[in-house]
Amino acid sequence: MPPTNALVVRSQARTVDDSLHDSLRRVEWTDLLRLRRRDVVHELLISLPWLAGSILAAANENYFIALACSFMFFLTGLRQVHNAFHYALGISRLATDCVMLVLSVLMLGSMHAVQINHLRHHRHCMAEDDVEAMGARTSAVGALLLGPWYPVCLHRKALEVATTSQRKWIWAELLVNGLWIALVFLALDIPSLQYHVIAMAVGQCLTAFFAVWTTHHGCVHEGPIARTIRNRFKAIITYDMFYHFEHHTFPAVPTCKLAILAKRIEACTPDLQLKKVY
């Protein structure tokens, strides 16, 4: 099970000192776990407009707009799977696993494999065996140059440490991916779908930079283990995905509530100096 409260920071001795531990204990967070029905619907549908926009734009050969929509689809898809990793979508565990299966096809790769590494990332944050964080232990250029090797490492590690049930999900998702790619490139003659698959492959090759380096660079040796964001406009246009210190401190809190959590943490720890994502 993923860690669910501020005590997770106790396993990250470099993250905070004792006074900050005490301050974090005063943060109210359990009420943020509850999602209204409209919140659940919003989280489940949040990426669909961007997916439709990218495919429609590609179908009309407007690839500039298609790329912009694909970027936003990948970002919102990451928000969905990130919540799914912690079973914070407000739906059942089985339904959440099915969401990860669907997003595995739409975004390419096995999201259950990524989930395994993400939960290990929370338990061993920035340690040598934290495969997810490998992009943060190098420069920005180094993270970009990891390219396709990064998702390969994630899947390899996941298969190495997975339980029998997890391994079944991973292989099922990889099989469906293979069938989907074969269908798109060998059976169907729909350029917009071919564009989408290629765009998602590129996105997967850039995740070491956009999803990891941005939120953890410069946090390896000192200070809080993750960066955050405070400008509300910047947070809105990135779908609140960069409240990363808050996420690491209270992993069970859904992304849509992280802005509220950030204000509560700030009120309880006014002297805390956090590095910003951008």
Foldseek 3Di string as FASTA:
>chain_A
DFDFFLCLCVLVPQADDPVLSVLRVPFDDPVLLDDDPVQLVCLLCVLVVLVVQLLVCVLVVVNVSNLVSLVVSVLSLCLSLLLLLLVRSNDDVVVSLVSQLVSCQQLPARSLLVSVLVRVCLNQPLDPPSLLQPLQVDDLVVLLVCFPVSSVVSNVVSCVPDDPVSVVSRVVSNVVNVVSVCCDPPPDDRVSVVVSVVSSSRVVRNCSNPVHNLFAHPQNRHYHRTAAADPVVVCVVSVQSRRVSQCSSRVSRRSVCSNVSVVSSCVSCVPGDGHHSD
